[in-house]
Amino acid sequence: HITVMWDDRQFDLKLINSAGDILLQKNSVRSE
């Protein structure tokens, strides 16, 4: 697994491959 942390804030995350395709999207994530 990969853990992504960004302070204590709310954010959206996208995982994109080298072709520019969005493989995974998570919205309204808090902190981690």
ModelCIF file with pLDDT and N, C-alpha, C, O atoms, coordinates in Angstrom:
data_MODEL
#
_entry.id   MODEL 
#
_entity.id                         1 
_entity.type                       polymer 
_entity.pdbx_number_of_molecules   1 
#
_entity_poly.entity_id                      1 
_entity_poly.type                           'polypeptide(L)' 
_entity_poly.nstd_linkage                   no 
_entity_poly.nstd_monomer                   no 
_entity_poly.pdbx_seq_one_letter_code       HITVMWDDRQFDLKLINSAGDILLQKNSVRSE 
_entity_poly.pdbx_seq_one_letter_code_can   HITVMWDDRQFDLKLINSAGDILLQKNSVRSE 
_entity_poly.pdbx_strand_id                 A 
#
loop_
_entity_poly_seq.entity_id 
_entity_poly_seq.num 
_entity_poly_seq.mon_id 
_entity_poly_seq.hetero 
1 1  HIS n 
1 2  ILE n 
1 3  THR n 
1 4  VAL n 
1 5  MET n 
1 6  TRP n 
1 7  ASP n 
1 8  ASP n 
1 9  ARG n 
1 10 GLN n 
1 11 PHE n 
1 12 ASP n 
1 13 LEU n 
1 14 LYS n 
1 15 LEU n 
1 16 ILE n 
1 17 ASN n 
1 18 SER n 
1 19 ALA n 
1 20 GLY n 
1 21 ASP n 
1 22 ILE n 
1 23 LEU n 
1 24 LEU n 
1 25 GLN n 
1 26 LYS n 
1 27 ASN n 
1 28 SER n 
1 29 VAL n 
1 30 ARG n 
1 31 SER n 
1 32 GLU n 
#
_struct_asym.id          A 
_struct_asym.entity_id   1 
#
loop_
_ma_qa_metric.id 
_ma_qa_metric.mode 
_ma_qa_metric.name 
_ma_qa_metric.software_group_id 
_ma_qa_metric.type 
1 global pLDDT . pLDDT 
2 local  pLDDT . pLDDT 
#
_ma_qa_metric_global.metric_id      1 
_ma_qa_metric_global.metric_value   84.38 
_ma_qa_metric_global.model_id       1 
_ma_qa_metric_global.ordinal_id     1 
#
loop_
_ma_qa_metric_local.label_asym_id 
_ma_qa_metric_local.label_comp_id 
_ma_qa_metric_local.label_seq_id 
_ma_qa_metric_local.metric_id 
_ma_qa_metric_local.metric_value 
_ma_qa_metric_local.model_id 
_ma_qa_metric_local.ordinal_id 
A HIS 1  2 88.00 1 1  
A ILE 2  2 92.00 1 2  
A THR 3  2 93.00 1 3  
A VAL 4  2 93.00 1 4  
A MET 5  2 92.00 1 5  
A TRP 6  2 90.00 1 6  
A ASP 7  2 86.00 1 7  
A ASP 8  2 84.00 1 8  
A ARG 9  2 88.00 1 9  
A GLN 10 2 90.00 1 10 
A PHE 11 2 90.00 1 11 
A ASP 12 2 90.00 1 12 
A LEU 13 2 90.00 1 13 
A LYS 14 2 86.00 1 14 
A LEU 15 2 87.00 1 15 
A ILE 16 2 80.00 1 16 
A ASN 17 2 73.00 1 17 
A SER 18 2 56.00 1 18 
A ALA 19 2 55.00 1 19 
A GLY 20 2 57.00 1 20 
A ASP 21 2 66.00 1 21 
A ILE 22 2 78.00 1 22 
A LEU 23 2 85.00 1 23 
A LEU 24 2 89.00 1 24 
A GLN 25 2 90.00 1 25 
A LYS 26 2 91.00 1 26 
A ASN 27 2 91.00 1 27 
A SER 28 2 91.00 1 28 
A VAL 29 2 90.00 1 29 
A ARG 30 2 91.00 1 30 
A SER 31 2 87.00 1 31 
A GLU 32 2 91.00 1 32 
#
loop_
_atom_site.group_PDB 
_atom_site.id 
_atom_site.type_symbol 
_atom_site.label_atom_id 
_atom_site.label_alt_id 
_atom_site.label_comp_id 
_atom_site.label_asym_id 
_atom_site.label_entity_id 
_atom_site.label_seq_id 
_atom_site.pdbx_PDB_ins_code 
_atom_site.Cartn_x 
_atom_site.Cartn_y 
_atom_site.Cartn_z 
_atom_site.occupancy 
_atom_site.B_iso_or_equiv 
_atom_site.pdbx_formal_charge 
_atom_site.auth_seq_id 
_atom_site.auth_comp_id 
_atom_site.auth_asym_id 
_atom_site.auth_atom_id 
_atom_site.pdbx_PDB_model_num 
ATOM 1   N N  . HIS A 1 1  ? 0.828   -1.205 0.000   1.00 88.00 ? 1  HIS A N  1 
ATOM 2   C CA . HIS A 1 1  ? 0.000   0.000  0.000   1.00 88.00 ? 1  HIS A CA 1 
ATOM 3   C C  . HIS A 1 1  ? 0.867   1.262  0.000   1.00 88.00 ? 1  HIS A C  1 
ATOM 4   O O  . HIS A 1 1  ? 2.057   1.225  0.313   1.00 88.00 ? 1  HIS A O  1 
ATOM 5   N N  . ILE A 1 2  ? 0.235   2.370  -0.359  1.00 92.00 ? 2  ILE A N  1 
ATOM 6   C CA . ILE A 1 2  ? 0.868   3.685  -0.334  1.00 92.00 ? 2  ILE A CA 1 
ATOM 7   C C  . ILE A 1 2  ? 0.041   4.585  0.576   1.00 92.00 ? 2  ILE A C  1 
ATOM 8   O O  . ILE A 1 2  ? -1.177  4.679  0.425   1.00 92.00 ? 2  ILE A O  1 
ATOM 9   N N  . THR A 1 3  ? 0.698   5.237  1.512   1.00 93.00 ? 3  THR A N  1 
ATOM 10  C CA . THR A 1 3  ? 0.018   6.167  2.411   1.00 93.00 ? 3  THR A CA 1 
ATOM 11  C C  . THR A 1 3  ? 0.368   7.599  2.014   1.00 93.00 ? 3  THR A C  1 
ATOM 12  O O  . THR A 1 3  ? 1.542   7.950  1.889   1.00 93.00 ? 3  THR A O  1 
ATOM 13  N N  . VAL A 1 4  ? -0.659  8.418  1.820   1.00 93.00 ? 4  VAL A N  1 
ATOM 14  C CA . VAL A 1 4  ? -0.481  9.818  1.440   1.00 93.00 ? 4  VAL A CA 1 
ATOM 15  C C  . VAL A 1 4  ? -0.995  10.697 2.579   1.00 93.00 ? 4  VAL A C  1 
ATOM 16  O O  . VAL A 1 4  ? -2.140  10.557 3.010   1.00 93.00 ? 4  VAL A O  1 
ATOM 17  N N  . MET A 1 5  ? -0.142  11.606 3.065   1.00 92.00 ? 5  MET A N  1 
ATOM 18  C CA . MET A 1 5  ? -0.503  12.490 4.181   1.00 92.00 ? 5  MET A CA 1 
ATOM 19  C C  . MET A 1 5  ? -0.279  13.940 3.781   1.00 92.00 ? 5  MET A C  1 
ATOM 20  O O  . MET A 1 5  ? 0.741   14.273 3.177   1.00 92.00 ? 5  MET A O  1 
ATOM 21  N N  . TRP A 1 6  ? -1.236  14.804 4.119   1.00 90.00 ? 6  TRP A N  1 
ATOM 22  C CA . TRP A 1 6  ? -1.113  16.230 3.804   1.00 90.00 ? 6  TRP A CA 1 
ATOM 23  C C  . TRP A 1 6  ? -1.674  17.064 4.954   1.00 90.00 ? 6  TRP A C  1 
ATOM 24  O O  . TRP A 1 6  ? -2.836  17.468 4.930   1.00 90.00 ? 6  TRP A O  1 
ATOM 25  N N  . ASP A 1 7  ? -0.856  17.309 5.936   1.00 86.00 ? 7  ASP A N  1 
ATOM 26  C CA . ASP A 1 7  ? -1.229  18.133 7.083   1.00 86.00 ? 7  ASP A CA 1 
ATOM 27  C C  . ASP A 1 7  ? -2.600  17.722 7.640   1.00 86.00 ? 7  ASP A C  1 
ATOM 28  O O  . ASP A 1 7  ? -3.027  16.574 7.512   1.00 86.00 ? 7  ASP A O  1 
ATOM 29  N N  . ASP A 1 8  ? -3.263  18.683 8.253   1.00 84.00 ? 8  ASP A N  1 
ATOM 30  C CA . ASP A 1 8  ? -4.604  18.450 8.772   1.00 84.00 ? 8  ASP A CA 1 
ATOM 31  C C  . ASP A 1 8  ? -5.597  19.186 7.874   1.00 84.00 ? 8  ASP A C  1 
ATOM 32  O O  . ASP A 1 8  ? -6.256  20.136 8.298   1.00 84.00 ? 8  ASP A O  1 
ATOM 33  N N  . ARG A 1 9  ? -5.688  18.735 6.643   1.00 88.00 ? 9  ARG A N  1 
ATOM 34  C CA . ARG A 1 9  ? -6.574  19.426 5.709   1.00 88.00 ? 9  ARG A CA 1 
ATOM 35  C C  . ARG A 1 9  ? -7.388  18.415 4.903   1.00 88.00 ? 9  ARG A C  1 
ATOM 36  O O  . ARG A 1 9  ? -7.078  17.224 4.878   1.00 88.00 ? 9  ARG A O  1 
ATOM 37  N N  . GLN A 1 10 ? -8.419  18.909 4.257   1.00 90.00 ? 10 GLN A N  1 
ATOM 38  C CA . GLN A 1 10 ? -9.276  18.068 3.422   1.00 90.00 ? 10 GLN A CA 1 
ATOM 39  C C  . GLN A 1 10 ? -8.838  18.223 1.976   1.00 90.00 ? 10 GLN A C  1 
ATOM 40  O O  . GLN A 1 10 ? -8.569  19.331 1.514   1.00 90.00 ? 10 GLN A O  1 
ATOM 41  N N  . PHE A 1 11 ? -8.766  17.098 1.263   1.00 90.00 ? 11 PHE A N  1 
ATOM 42  C CA . PHE A 1 11 ? -8.309  17.179 -0.125  1.00 90.00 ? 11 PHE A CA 1 
ATOM 43  C C  . PHE A 1 11 ? -8.896  16.038 -0.952  1.00 90.00 ? 11 PHE A C  1 
ATOM 44  O O  . PHE A 1 11 ? -9.387  15.045 -0.416  1.00 90.00 ? 11 PHE A O  1 
ATOM 45  N N  . ASP A 1 12 ? -8.830  16.209 -2.272  1.00 90.00 ? 12 ASP A N  1 
ATOM 46  C CA . ASP A 1 12 ? -9.182  15.154 -3.222  1.00 90.00 ? 12 ASP A CA 1 
ATOM 47  C C  . ASP A 1 12 ? -7.891  14.556 -3.761  1.00 90.00 ? 12 ASP A C  1 
ATOM 48  O O  . ASP A 1 12 ? -6.879  15.246 -3.887  1.00 90.00 ? 12 ASP A O  1 
ATOM 49  N N  . LEU A 1 13 ? -7.935  13.265 -4.079  1.00 90.00 ? 13 LEU A N  1 
ATOM 50  C CA . LEU A 1 13 ? -6.749  12.563 -4.580  1.00 90.00 ? 13 LEU A CA 1 
ATOM 51  C C  . LEU A 1 13 ? -7.072  11.848 -5.882  1.00 90.00 ? 13 LEU A C  1 
ATOM 52  O O  . LEU A 1 13 ? -8.134  11.244 -6.034  1.00 90.00 ? 13 LEU A O  1 
ATOM 53  N N  . LYS A 1 14 ? -6.121  11.932 -6.828  1.00 86.00 ? 14 LYS A N  1 
ATOM 54  C CA . LYS A 1 14 ? -6.217  11.169 -8.069  1.00 86.00 ? 14 LYS A CA 1 
ATOM 55  C C  . LYS A 1 14 ? -4.911  10.425 -8.292  1.00 86.00 ? 14 LYS A C  1 
ATOM 56  O O  . LYS A 1 14 ? -3.831  10.987 -8.108  1.00 86.00 ? 14 LYS A O  1 
ATOM 57  N N  . LEU A 1 15 ? -5.007  9.162  -8.687  1.00 87.00 ? 15 LEU A N  1 
ATOM 58  C CA . LEU A 1 15 ? -3.849  8.376  -9.092  1.00 87.00 ? 15 LEU A CA 1 
ATOM 59  C C  . LEU A 1 15 ? -3.871  8.294  -10.606 1.00 87.00 ? 15 LEU A C  1 
ATOM 60  O O  . LEU A 1 15 ? -4.845  7.819  -11.189 1.00 87.00 ? 15 LEU A O  1 
ATOM 61  N N  . ILE A 1 16 ? -2.787  8.761  -11.259 1.00 80.00 ? 16 ILE A N  1 
ATOM 62  C CA . ILE A 1 16 ? -2.755  8.888  -12.715 1.00 80.00 ? 16 ILE A CA 1 
ATOM 63  C C  . ILE A 1 16 ? -1.565  8.108  -13.259 1.00 80.00 ? 16 ILE A C  1 
ATOM 64  O O  . ILE A 1 16 ? -0.467  8.178  -12.706 1.00 80.00 ? 16 ILE A O  1 
ATOM 65  N N  . ASN A 1 17 ? -1.784  7.361  -14.347 1.00 73.00 ? 17 ASN A N  1 
ATOM 66  C CA . ASN A 1 17 ? -0.663  6.634  -14.949 1.00 73.00 ? 17 ASN A CA 1 
ATOM 67  C C  . ASN A 1 17 ? 0.076   7.529  -15.939 1.00 73.00 ? 17 ASN A C  1 
ATOM 68  O O  . ASN A 1 17 ? -0.318  8.676  -16.148 1.00 73.00 ? 17 ASN A O  1 
ATOM 69  N N  . SER A 1 18 ? 1.137   7.018  -16.545 1.00 56.00 ? 18 SER A N  1 
ATOM 70  C CA . SER A 1 18 ? 1.980   7.831  -17.428 1.00 56.00 ? 18 SER A CA 1 
ATOM 71  C C  . SER A 1 18 ? 1.279   8.215  -18.721 1.00 56.00 ? 18 SER A C  1 
ATOM 72  O O  . SER A 1 18 ? 1.750   9.089  -19.449 1.00 56.00 ? 18 SER A O  1 
ATOM 73  N N  . ALA A 1 19 ? 0.148   7.564  -19.013 1.00 55.00 ? 19 ALA A N  1 
ATOM 74  C CA . ALA A 1 19 ? -0.638  7.925  -20.196 1.00 55.00 ? 19 ALA A CA 1 
ATOM 75  C C  . ALA A 1 19 ? -1.647  9.017  -19.901 1.00 55.00 ? 19 ALA A C  1 
ATOM 76  O O  . ALA A 1 19 ? -2.358  9.473  -20.796 1.00 55.00 ? 19 ALA A O  1 
ATOM 77  N N  . GLY A 1 20 ? -1.710  9.442  -18.625 1.00 57.00 ? 20 GLY A N  1 
ATOM 78  C CA . GLY A 1 20 ? -2.643  10.487 -18.247 1.00 57.00 ? 20 GLY A CA 1 
ATOM 79  C C  . GLY A 1 20 ? -4.010  9.981  -17.838 1.00 57.00 ? 20 GLY A C  1 
ATOM 80  O O  . GLY A 1 20 ? -4.920  10.779 -17.610 1.00 57.00 ? 20 GLY A O  1 
ATOM 81  N N  . ASP A 1 21 ? -4.177  8.652  -17.741 1.00 66.00 ? 21 ASP A N  1 
ATOM 82  C CA . ASP A 1 21 ? -5.462  8.078  -17.347 1.00 66.00 ? 21 ASP A CA 1 
ATOM 83  C C  . ASP A 1 21 ? -5.609  8.101  -15.822 1.00 66.00 ? 21 ASP A C  1 
ATOM 84  O O  . ASP A 1 21 ? -4.664  7.797  -15.094 1.00 66.00 ? 21 ASP A O  1 
ATOM 85  N N  . ILE A 1 22 ? -6.789  8.460  -15.354 1.00 78.00 ? 22 ILE A N  1 
ATOM 86  C CA . ILE A 1 22 ? -7.075  8.460  -13.919 1.00 78.00 ? 22 ILE A CA 1 
ATOM 87  C C  . ILE A 1 22 ? -7.481  7.046  -13.510 1.00 78.00 ? 22 ILE A C  1 
ATOM 88  O O  . ILE A 1 22 ? -8.519  6.543  -13.940 1.00 78.00 ? 22 ILE A O  1 
ATOM 89  N N  . LEU A 1 23 ? -6.662  6.413  -12.684 1.00 85.00 ? 23 LEU A N  1 
ATOM 90  C CA . LEU A 1 23 ? -6.903  5.031  -12.272 1.00 85.00 ? 23 LEU A CA 1 
ATOM 91  C C  . LEU A 1 23 ? -7.699  4.953  -10.974 1.00 85.00 ? 23 LEU A C  1 
ATOM 92  O O  . LEU A 1 23 ? -8.412  3.979  -10.733 1.00 85.00 ? 23 LEU A O  1 
ATOM 93  N N  . LEU A 1 24 ? -7.574  5.975  -10.147 1.00 89.00 ? 24 LEU A N  1 
ATOM 94  C CA . LEU A 1 24 ? -8.238  5.959  -8.840  1.00 89.00 ? 24 LEU A CA 1 
ATOM 95  C C  . LEU A 1 24 ? -8.522  7.384  -8.418  1.00 89.00 ? 24 LEU A C  1 
ATOM 96  O O  . LEU A 1 24 ? -7.692  8.270  -8.619  1.00 89.00 ? 24 LEU A O  1 
ATOM 97  N N  . GLN A 1 25 ? -9.678  7.612  -7.838  1.00 90.00 ? 25 GLN A N  1 
ATOM 98  C CA . GLN A 1 25 ? -10.020 8.940  -7.340  1.00 90.00 ? 25 GLN A CA 1 
ATOM 99  C C  . GLN A 1 25 ? -10.701 8.821  -5.991  1.00 90.00 ? 25 GLN A C  1 
ATOM 100 O O  . GLN A 1 25 ? -11.637 8.039  -5.829  1.00 90.00 ? 25 GLN A O  1 
ATOM 101 N N  . LYS A 1 26 ? -10.234 9.594  -5.025  1.00 91.00 ? 26 LYS A N  1 
ATOM 102 C CA . LYS A 1 26 ? -10.837 9.640  -3.692  1.00 91.00 ? 26 LYS A CA 1 
ATOM 103 C C  . LYS A 1 26 ? -11.107 11.102 -3.355  1.00 91.00 ? 26 LYS A C  1 
ATOM 104 O O  . LYS A 1 26 ? -10.208 11.939 -3.444  1.00 91.00 ? 26 LYS A O  1 
ATOM 105 N N  . ASN A 1 27 ? -12.329 11.407 -2.973  1.00 91.00 ? 27 ASN A N  1 
ATOM 106 C CA . ASN A 1 27 ? -12.738 12.775 -2.704  1.00 91.00 ? 27 ASN A CA 1 
ATOM 107 C C  . ASN A 1 27 ? -12.936 13.022 -1.215  1.00 91.00 ? 27 ASN A C  1 
ATOM 108 O O  . ASN A 1 27 ? -13.282 12.113 -0.461  1.00 91.00 ? 27 ASN A O  1 
ATOM 109 N N  . SER A 1 28 ? -12.709 14.267 -0.806  1.00 91.00 ? 28 SER A N  1 
ATOM 110 C CA . SER A 1 28 ? -12.960 14.729 0.567   1.00 91.00 ? 28 SER A CA 1 
ATOM 111 C C  . SER A 1 28 ? -12.238 13.887 1.606   1.00 91.00 ? 28 SER A C  1 
ATOM 112 O O  . SER A 1 28 ? -12.823 13.471 2.606   1.00 91.00 ? 28 SER A O  1 
ATOM 113 N N  . VAL A 1 29 ? -10.960 13.645 1.353   1.00 90.00 ? 29 VAL A N  1 
ATOM 114 C CA . VAL A 1 29 ? -10.116 12.905 2.289   1.00 90.00 ? 29 VAL A CA 1 
ATOM 115 C C  . VAL A 1 29 ? -9.615  13.875 3.361   1.00 90.00 ? 29 VAL A C  1 
ATOM 116 O O  . VAL A 1 29 ? -9.326  15.034 3.063   1.00 90.00 ? 29 VAL A O  1 
ATOM 117 N N  . ARG A 1 30 ? -9.512  13.409 4.592   1.00 91.00 ? 30 ARG A N  1 
ATOM 118 C CA . ARG A 1 30 ? -9.009  14.262 5.662   1.00 91.00 ? 30 ARG A CA 1 
ATOM 119 C C  . ARG A 1 30 ? -7.646  13.753 6.135   1.00 91.00 ? 30 ARG A C  1 
ATOM 120 O O  . ARG A 1 30 ? -7.543  12.649 6.670   1.00 91.00 ? 30 ARG A O  1 
ATOM 121 N N  . SER A 1 31 ? -6.620  14.546 5.940   1.00 87.00 ? 31 SER A N  1 
ATOM 122 C CA . SER A 1 31 ? -5.272  14.332 6.471   1.00 87.00 ? 31 SER A CA 1 
ATOM 123 C C  . SER A 1 31 ? -4.503  13.182 5.830   1.00 87.00 ? 31 SER A C  1 
ATOM 124 O O  . SER A 1 31 ? -3.356  13.354 5.416   1.00 87.00 ? 31 SER A O  1 
ATOM 125 N N  . GLU A 1 32 ? -5.126  12.015 5.748   1.00 91.00 ? 32 GLU A N  1 
ATOM 126 C CA . GLU A 1 32 ? -4.375  10.833 5.341   1.00 91.00 ? 32 GLU A CA 1 
ATOM 127 C C  . GLU A 1 32 ? -5.265  9.862  4.578   1.00 91.00 ? 32 GLU A C  1 
ATOM 128 O O  . GLU A 1 32 ? -4.801  8.803  4.154   1.00 91.00 ? 32 GLU A O  1 
#
